[in-house]
Amino acid sequence: MPLNIDLKTFSELLQALYGAATSNESYKKNFLTQLKQILNLQHATLIVRPPSANDAGLIYTSGDDIDVPILGNEVGSYTNLYAQDPLVNLPVNKVITIEDIMPRAQLLKNEYYEMFLKPFDIYFIAGIDWQYDKDSRISIRFTRTEEQGEFNQDEKDFFELLIPHLEQSVALGIQLRQLDSERQIYADSISKRSIGIITLDKNNCILQCNTTAERVLEEGDGVKEVQKRIKLNNSTENESLTGFLNEAIDAIKNQDRSQINALSVSRDSGKAAYQMMIKPMPVDFHNESDLTPYLTILIQDPEKNLEISVRTLMNLYQLTMSEATIAILLAEGHTTDEVATELDIKKNTVRAHLRSMFVKMGVTQQSMLVSLVLTSLASTQ
């Protein structure tokens, strides 16, 4: 290991690097700041998105205790340092110093040095670029003052060791953030439909629940959690559920095609029965663990009104506000007479709106209109 860096320090550095990718805050000092201290740097700076005329970019740099973002509107000319970076479009996956680009004597006479390096007491710079995809380049820069000295060969070799970890960590972080955004959109959509989601392991034990499912289980109105398992209050229904679960688990373990099953769950309160679906999950047995989900249970309360966006419905089908409101009320199960009463308009007015909506939405029957509303993007916001 170069620089006499012990394995424990190197391990902690990599833990901080991958922890940053997964938003793990278990380490007080993050990767860039640890690197700054280990290698006696002035700063270590990660440039995920370089600044431009219309964008302050996305830049993180080492601080006294933790890595911090650089915001262009807060630090002004500091961001210009990276906008004018002389180490631009470097050969990928190689450590390049500013001396490799420009002789030291020439640099000290250069306007860039006078305007952007000297004011920040930056004397030595080393950098690494790598390609995230065909259109995206990510960079890391290391700076030192004159007193801290130039980068020696051992330090450059150490930077080389970090390159594959930098590539993987940043790629992992970007992918996780994209997945989190997609998950949030999906979760919001499911939330609007009041669908509870429960995942079970190979022993039919609960692994995770979304908030809707947690609420249903806590209420215990027909279905509850008992010792990490789902139990239905009705013994006959519970027996059916147990059979469906065991059947699905056996099929997955035997790598047979498993069926999706569903049942109606009666409620002690007398409210409309829950709708429950048992859906098997694909399992990769080479990577299976005790936390591998085998089954997904979906629970829907038919008494919960689906939230449908009036504005989206208007935009999708060029409906007026009145037409979109009528469409939503019909989708919620109201009759035309009830719609007229709810909106305080005449029944003939409702019928006139319906004729207009049929033309705009390309349907010929009220049932088709309702189906279109319920399956449109207006019901997933």
Protein backbone atom coordinates (compact mmCIF):
# COMPACT_ATOMS: atom_id res chain seq x y z
CA MET A 1 0.00 0.00 0.00
CA PRO A 2 1.60 3.36 -1.03
CA LEU A 3 2.20 6.26 1.36
CA ASN A 4 2.23 3.86 4.31
CA ILE A 5 -1.57 4.06 4.49
CA ASP A 6 -2.72 1.20 6.67
CA LEU A 7 -5.52 -1.15 5.64
CA LYS A 8 -7.90 0.21 8.27
CA THR A 9 -7.57 3.77 6.95
CA PHE A 10 -7.97 2.61 3.36
CA SER A 11 -11.03 0.54 4.31
CA GLU A 12 -12.63 3.52 6.08
CA LEU A 13 -11.95 5.68 3.03
CA LEU A 14 -13.72 3.22 0.73
CA GLN A 15 -16.59 2.87 3.21
CA ALA A 16 -17.02 6.63 3.11
CA LEU A 17 -16.93 6.61 -0.69
CA TYR A 18 -19.63 3.95 -1.07
CA GLY A 19 -21.52 5.34 1.90
CA ALA A 20 -21.84 8.66 0.05
CA ALA A 21 -23.33 6.81 -2.93
CA THR A 22 -25.96 5.20 -0.73
CA SER A 23 -26.51 8.29 1.47
CA ASN A 24 -25.04 6.45 4.44
CA GLU A 25 -24.34 9.03 7.17
CA SER A 26 -22.68 6.58 9.58
CA TYR A 27 -19.28 8.19 9.07
CA LYS A 28 -18.71 11.68 10.42
CA LYS A 29 -16.23 12.62 7.71
CA ASN A 30 -17.13 11.85 4.13
CA PHE A 31 -14.89 10.58 1.36
CA LEU A 32 -13.51 13.87 0.00
CA THR A 33 -12.76 15.21 3.45
CA GLN A 34 -11.08 11.98 4.55
CA LEU A 35 -9.02 12.03 1.35
CA LYS A 36 -8.02 15.63 2.02
CA GLN A 37 -6.69 14.68 5.45
CA ILE A 38 -4.98 11.45 4.42
CA LEU A 39 -3.06 13.05 1.53
CA ASN A 40 -2.54 16.51 3.03
CA LEU A 41 -4.62 18.23 0.33
CA GLN A 42 -5.91 21.75 0.24
CA HIS A 43 -9.15 20.47 -1.31
CA ALA A 44 -10.56 17.36 -2.98
CA THR A 45 -13.43 18.28 -5.29
CA LEU A 46 -15.89 16.09 -7.21
CA ILE A 47 -17.44 17.69 -10.30
CA VAL A 48 -20.56 15.71 -11.19
CA ARG A 49 -21.87 18.41 -13.52
CA PRO A 50 -19.54 21.26 -14.54
CA PRO A 51 -20.76 24.87 -14.33
CA SER A 52 -21.96 26.61 -17.47
CA ALA A 53 -23.42 29.98 -18.41
CA ASN A 54 -26.91 28.91 -17.31
CA ASP A 55 -26.10 26.29 -14.70
CA ALA A 56 -24.08 26.51 -11.48
CA GLY A 57 -23.29 22.82 -11.91
CA LEU A 58 -23.17 20.09 -9.29
CA ILE A 59 -19.90 20.18 -7.36
CA TYR A 60 -18.90 18.72 -3.99
CA THR A 61 -15.75 19.61 -2.11
CA SER A 62 -13.99 18.65 1.11
CA GLY A 63 -14.74 20.68 4.23
CA ASP A 64 -13.46 20.82 7.77
CA ASP A 65 -15.66 17.93 8.90
CA ILE A 66 -17.82 16.75 6.00
CA ASP A 67 -18.13 17.03 2.25
CA VAL A 68 -20.15 20.07 1.20
CA PRO A 69 -21.83 21.15 -2.05
CA ILE A 70 -20.56 24.24 -3.83
CA LEU A 71 -23.43 26.49 -4.85
CA GLY A 72 -22.50 28.94 -7.59
CA ASN A 73 -24.78 31.70 -6.38
CA GLU A 74 -23.15 31.54 -2.94
CA VAL A 75 -19.46 31.40 -3.76
CA GLY A 76 -19.39 33.35 -7.01
CA SER A 77 -15.90 33.34 -8.49
CA TYR A 78 -15.02 30.07 -6.75
CA THR A 79 -17.25 28.25 -9.24
CA ASN A 80 -15.46 30.10 -12.04
CA LEU A 81 -12.36 28.16 -11.08
CA TYR A 82 -14.06 25.02 -12.36
CA ALA A 83 -15.73 26.75 -15.29
CA GLN A 84 -12.20 27.73 -16.44
CA ASP A 85 -10.60 24.42 -15.46
CA PRO A 86 -7.39 23.91 -17.50
CA LEU A 87 -7.60 20.17 -16.86
CA VAL A 88 -10.56 19.82 -19.21
CA ASN A 89 -11.43 16.70 -21.24
CA LEU A 90 -8.55 14.73 -19.77
CA PRO A 91 -7.69 11.27 -21.07
CA VAL A 92 -10.16 9.13 -19.12
CA ASN A 93 -9.08 6.98 -16.20
CA LYS A 94 -5.66 8.59 -15.90
CA VAL A 95 -4.14 10.86 -13.28
CA ILE A 96 -3.09 14.14 -14.90
CA THR A 97 -1.34 17.06 -13.16
CA ILE A 98 -1.34 20.65 -14.29
CA GLU A 99 2.38 20.29 -15.08
CA ASP A 100 1.44 17.64 -17.66
CA ILE A 101 -0.63 20.31 -19.43
CA MET A 102 1.53 23.39 -18.98
CA PRO A 103 5.11 23.95 -17.74
CA ARG A 104 5.23 25.53 -14.28
CA ALA A 105 7.05 28.66 -15.48
CA GLN A 106 4.43 29.24 -18.17
CA LEU A 107 1.56 28.62 -15.73
CA LEU A 108 2.79 31.24 -13.26
CA LYS A 109 2.68 33.87 -16.00
CA ASN A 110 -0.73 32.74 -17.25
CA GLU A 111 -3.84 34.90 -16.71
CA TYR A 112 -5.71 31.82 -15.44
CA TYR A 113 -3.25 31.44 -12.58
CA GLU A 114 -3.52 35.12 -11.62
CA MET A 115 -7.33 35.18 -11.74
CA PHE A 116 -8.41 31.77 -10.51
CA LEU A 117 -5.57 29.94 -8.75
CA LYS A 118 -3.52 32.53 -6.92
CA PRO A 119 -6.54 34.13 -5.10
CA PHE A 120 -7.33 30.69 -3.62
CA ASP A 121 -3.69 29.88 -2.88
CA ILE A 122 -3.83 26.95 -5.31
CA TYR A 123 -0.40 25.98 -6.61
CA PHE A 124 -0.63 22.29 -7.58
CA ILE A 125 -3.57 20.48 -9.23
CA ALA A 126 -4.11 16.84 -10.14
CA GLY A 127 -7.22 15.46 -11.79
CA ILE A 128 -9.03 12.36 -13.00
CA ASP A 129 -11.87 12.21 -15.52
CA TRP A 130 -14.07 9.23 -16.31
CA GLN A 131 -17.02 8.67 -18.62
CA TYR A 132 -20.34 7.93 -16.91
CA ASP A 133 -22.12 7.45 -20.24
CA LYS A 134 -21.51 8.64 -23.79
CA ASP A 135 -22.69 12.16 -22.94
CA SER A 136 -21.60 12.56 -19.32
CA ARG A 137 -18.11 13.04 -17.96
CA ILE A 138 -17.39 13.17 -14.22
CA SER A 139 -14.23 14.66 -12.75
CA ILE A 140 -12.35 14.80 -9.49
CA ARG A 141 -9.69 17.41 -8.71
CA PHE A 142 -7.05 17.54 -5.98
CA THR A 143 -5.38 20.84 -5.06
CA ARG A 144 -2.44 21.87 -2.88
CA THR A 145 -0.77 25.06 -1.80
CA GLU A 146 2.88 25.69 -2.58
CA GLU A 147 3.79 24.80 1.01
CA GLN A 148 2.00 21.43 0.77
CA GLY A 149 4.19 20.46 -2.16
CA GLU A 150 3.69 18.74 -5.48
CA PHE A 151 2.16 15.30 -6.02
CA ASN A 152 4.75 12.51 -5.96
CA GLN A 153 4.59 9.23 -7.81
CA ASP A 154 3.30 7.26 -4.81
CA GLU A 155 0.38 9.67 -4.48
CA LYS A 156 -0.39 9.43 -8.19
CA ASP A 157 -0.33 5.63 -7.91
CA PHE A 158 -2.74 5.86 -4.99
CA PHE A 159 -5.12 8.02 -7.05
CA GLU A 160 -4.92 5.34 -9.78
CA LEU A 161 -6.06 2.74 -7.25
CA LEU A 162 -9.14 4.83 -6.50
CA ILE A 163 -10.31 5.19 -10.12
CA PRO A 164 -12.44 1.99 -10.39
CA HIS A 165 -13.98 2.72 -6.98
CA LEU A 166 -14.81 6.30 -8.02
CA GLU A 167 -16.46 5.01 -11.20
CA GLN A 168 -18.55 2.42 -9.39
CA SER A 169 -19.51 4.65 -6.49
CA VAL A 170 -20.70 7.59 -8.59
CA ALA A 171 -22.53 5.30 -11.03
CA LEU A 172 -24.19 3.54 -8.08
CA GLY A 173 -25.20 6.87 -6.53
CA ILE A 174 -26.76 8.15 -9.75
CA GLN A 175 -28.61 4.90 -10.34
CA LEU A 176 -29.92 4.78 -6.77
CA ARG A 177 -31.22 8.35 -7.04
CA GLN A 178 -32.94 7.53 -10.31
CA LEU A 179 -34.48 4.43 -8.77
CA ASP A 180 -35.57 6.42 -5.73
CA SER A 181 -37.30 8.98 -7.97
CA GLU A 182 -39.07 6.20 -9.87
CA ARG A 183 -40.00 4.51 -6.60
CA GLN A 184 -41.47 7.74 -5.25
CA ILE A 185 -43.57 8.23 -8.38
CA TYR A 186 -44.78 4.63 -8.10
CA ALA A 187 -45.46 4.98 -4.39
CA ASP A 188 -47.44 8.18 -4.92
CA SER A 189 -49.48 6.51 -7.65
CA ILE A 190 -50.23 3.48 -5.47
CA SER A 191 -51.03 5.78 -2.56
CA LYS A 192 -53.66 7.59 -4.61
CA ARG A 193 -55.32 4.26 -5.28
CA SER A 194 -55.22 3.32 -1.58
CA ILE A 195 -53.41 0.06 -2.31
CA GLY A 196 -51.56 -1.63 0.52
CA ILE A 197 -48.41 -3.52 -0.43
CA ILE A 198 -46.86 -6.26 1.74
CA THR A 199 -43.84 -8.39 0.82
CA LEU A 200 -43.35 -11.83 2.36
CA ASP A 201 -40.30 -14.08 2.64
CA LYS A 202 -40.11 -17.81 1.89
CA ASN A 203 -41.66 -18.57 5.29
CA ASN A 204 -44.66 -16.29 4.66
CA CYS A 205 -43.30 -13.78 7.17
CA ILE A 206 -43.73 -10.07 6.54
CA LEU A 207 -40.64 -8.27 5.23
CA GLN A 208 -42.03 -4.82 4.41
CA CYS A 209 -45.28 -2.88 4.30
CA ASN A 210 -46.12 0.46 2.74
CA THR A 211 -48.00 3.02 4.83
CA THR A 212 -51.41 1.99 3.47
CA ALA A 213 -50.80 -1.65 4.39
CA GLU A 214 -49.52 -0.67 7.84
CA ARG A 215 -52.73 1.26 8.48
CA VAL A 216 -54.90 -1.67 7.34
CA LEU A 217 -53.06 -4.13 9.58
CA GLU A 218 -53.16 -1.78 12.57
CA GLU A 219 -56.93 -1.30 12.21
CA GLY A 220 -57.39 -5.08 12.26
CA ASP A 221 -60.74 -4.81 10.48
CA GLY A 222 -60.72 -8.25 8.81
CA VAL A 223 -56.96 -8.57 8.49
CA LYS A 224 -54.12 -8.10 10.97
CA GLU A 225 -50.51 -9.01 11.73
CA VAL A 226 -49.83 -11.84 14.16
CA GLN A 227 -46.20 -12.82 14.85
CA LYS A 228 -44.98 -11.27 11.59
CA ARG A 229 -47.63 -13.09 9.56
CA ILE A 230 -50.86 -11.98 7.91
CA LYS A 231 -53.97 -13.38 9.54
CA LEU A 232 -57.58 -12.95 8.40
CA ASN A 233 -60.26 -12.73 11.06
CA ASN A 234 -62.60 -15.03 9.14
CA SER A 235 -61.28 -18.59 9.66
CA THR A 236 -62.51 -19.88 6.29
CA GLU A 237 -60.92 -16.97 4.43
CA ASN A 238 -57.74 -17.35 6.47
CA GLU A 239 -57.54 -21.02 5.48
CA SER A 240 -57.89 -20.03 1.82
CA LEU A 241 -55.17 -17.41 2.19
CA THR A 242 -52.80 -19.91 3.82
CA GLY A 243 -53.41 -22.34 0.97
CA PHE A 244 -52.70 -19.69 -1.66
CA LEU A 245 -49.49 -18.63 0.09
CA ASN A 246 -48.17 -22.16 0.51
CA GLU A 247 -49.09 -23.04 -3.07
CA ALA A 248 -47.20 -20.01 -4.38
CA ILE A 249 -44.12 -20.65 -2.20
CA ASP A 250 -43.95 -24.31 -3.29
CA ALA A 251 -44.23 -23.33 -6.95
CA ILE A 252 -41.41 -20.78 -6.60
CA LYS A 253 -39.13 -23.24 -4.79
CA ASN A 254 -39.80 -25.91 -7.42
CA GLN A 255 -39.33 -23.27 -10.14
CA ASP A 256 -42.79 -24.03 -11.49
CA ARG A 257 -45.09 -21.46 -12.99
CA SER A 258 -47.06 -19.95 -10.13
CA GLN A 259 -50.51 -18.44 -10.42
CA ILE A 260 -51.75 -15.10 -9.15
CA ASN A 261 -54.60 -15.68 -6.69
CA ALA A 262 -57.11 -13.28 -5.17
CA LEU A 263 -59.78 -13.35 -2.50
CA SER A 264 -62.32 -11.11 -0.84
CA VAL A 265 -61.63 -10.33 2.82
CA SER A 266 -64.74 -9.66 4.89
CA ARG A 267 -64.54 -6.94 7.56
CA ASP A 268 -65.88 -7.04 11.11
CA SER A 269 -67.11 -3.44 10.76
CA GLY A 270 -69.52 -4.41 7.99
CA LYS A 271 -67.75 -2.16 5.46
CA ALA A 272 -67.18 -3.38 1.91
CA ALA A 273 -64.77 -6.32 1.85
CA TYR A 274 -61.10 -5.74 1.15
CA GLN A 275 -59.81 -6.98 -2.19
CA MET A 276 -56.62 -9.02 -1.74
CA MET A 277 -54.23 -10.32 -4.39
CA ILE A 278 -51.33 -12.77 -3.86
CA LYS A 279 -48.64 -12.24 -6.47
CA PRO A 280 -45.48 -14.43 -6.62
CA MET A 281 -42.14 -12.67 -7.12
CA PRO A 282 -39.28 -13.77 -9.37
CA VAL A 283 -36.47 -15.16 -7.21
CA ASP A 284 -32.81 -15.43 -8.19
CA PHE A 285 -31.70 -18.42 -6.11
CA HIS A 286 -28.01 -17.63 -6.73
CA ASN A 287 -28.42 -14.39 -4.75
CA GLU A 288 -31.14 -15.44 -2.33
CA SER A 289 -31.00 -14.38 1.31
CA ASP A 290 -33.35 -14.37 4.31
CA LEU A 291 -34.53 -10.94 3.14
CA THR A 292 -35.42 -12.05 -0.40
CA PRO A 293 -39.11 -11.33 -1.12
CA TYR A 294 -41.06 -14.32 -2.42
CA LEU A 295 -44.59 -12.91 -2.48
CA THR A 296 -46.32 -9.57 -2.76
CA ILE A 297 -49.73 -9.08 -1.16
CA LEU A 298 -51.87 -6.25 -2.54
CA ILE A 299 -54.81 -4.99 -0.47
CA GLN A 300 -57.34 -2.45 -1.70
CA ASP A 301 -60.22 -0.86 0.15
CA PRO A 302 -63.04 -0.31 -2.37
CA GLU A 303 -64.58 2.30 -0.08
CA LYS A 304 -61.59 4.61 -0.53
CA ASN A 305 -62.27 7.08 -3.30
CA LEU A 306 -59.67 7.15 -6.04
CA GLU A 307 -58.03 10.56 -6.30
CA ILE A 308 -58.29 11.76 -9.89
CA SER A 309 -56.68 14.97 -11.11
CA VAL A 310 -59.22 17.35 -12.65
CA ARG A 311 -56.51 19.33 -14.42
CA THR A 312 -54.85 16.27 -15.94
CA LEU A 313 -58.20 14.96 -17.12
CA MET A 314 -58.93 18.34 -18.72
CA ASN A 315 -55.56 18.33 -20.49
CA LEU A 316 -55.80 14.72 -21.67
CA TYR A 317 -59.20 15.05 -23.34
CA GLN A 318 -59.62 18.84 -23.71
CA LEU A 319 -62.52 18.78 -21.26
CA THR A 320 -63.95 21.83 -19.55
CA MET A 321 -63.80 22.06 -15.76
CA SER A 322 -67.47 21.07 -15.53
CA GLU A 323 -67.00 18.11 -17.86
CA ALA A 324 -63.96 16.83 -15.96
CA THR A 325 -65.80 17.17 -12.64
CA ILE A 326 -68.77 15.21 -13.99
CA ALA A 327 -66.42 12.51 -15.34
CA ILE A 328 -64.79 12.11 -11.93
CA LEU A 329 -68.11 11.90 -10.10
CA LEU A 330 -69.30 9.21 -12.53
CA ALA A 331 -66.03 7.31 -12.04
CA GLU A 332 -66.64 7.41 -8.29
CA GLY A 333 -69.92 5.55 -8.85
CA HIS A 334 -72.47 8.39 -8.83
CA THR A 335 -75.50 8.24 -11.10
CA THR A 336 -76.37 11.11 -13.45
CA ASP A 337 -79.19 12.13 -11.09
CA GLU A 338 -76.73 12.22 -8.15
CA VAL A 339 -74.26 14.24 -10.25
CA ALA A 340 -76.97 16.79 -11.03
CA THR A 341 -77.84 17.09 -7.34
CA GLU A 342 -74.19 17.29 -6.28
CA LEU A 343 -73.40 20.08 -8.76
CA ASP A 344 -76.81 21.77 -8.42
CA ILE A 345 -77.50 21.65 -12.13
CA LYS A 346 -80.34 20.22 -14.24
CA LYS A 347 -80.25 16.61 -15.40
CA ASN A 348 -80.50 17.78 -19.00
CA THR A 349 -77.33 19.83 -18.45
CA VAL A 350 -75.52 16.72 -17.25
CA ARG A 351 -76.71 14.84 -20.35
CA ALA A 352 -75.55 17.69 -22.61
CA HIS A 353 -72.13 17.58 -20.99
CA LEU A 354 -72.04 13.80 -21.45
CA ARG A 355 -72.69 14.09 -25.20
CA SER A 356 -69.83 16.54 -25.50
CA MET A 357 -67.55 14.29 -23.41
CA PHE A 358 -68.38 11.23 -25.55
CA VAL A 359 -67.14 13.08 -28.64
CA LYS A 360 -63.99 14.43 -26.98
CA MET A 361 -63.06 11.13 -25.33
CA GLY A 362 -63.98 8.91 -28.30
CA VAL A 363 -66.51 6.72 -26.46
CA THR A 364 -70.15 5.87 -27.05
CA GLN A 365 -71.29 4.66 -23.61
CA GLN A 366 -71.10 5.96 -20.07
CA SER A 367 -69.43 2.72 -18.90
CA MET A 368 -66.67 3.23 -21.49
CA LEU A 369 -66.17 6.80 -20.27
CA VAL A 370 -65.84 5.64 -16.66
CA SER A 371 -63.35 2.91 -17.64
CA LEU A 372 -61.28 5.45 -19.58
CA VAL A 373 -61.14 7.81 -16.62
CA LEU A 374 -60.15 5.06 -14.17
CA THR A 375 -57.33 3.79 -16.39
CA SER A 376 -56.03 7.21 -17.46
CA LEU A 377 -52.94 8.94 -16.13
CA ALA A 378 -55.26 11.32 -14.29
CA SER A 379 -55.78 8.57 -11.71
CA THR A 380 -52.06 7.97 -11.09
CA GLN A 381 -50.87 11.41 -9.96
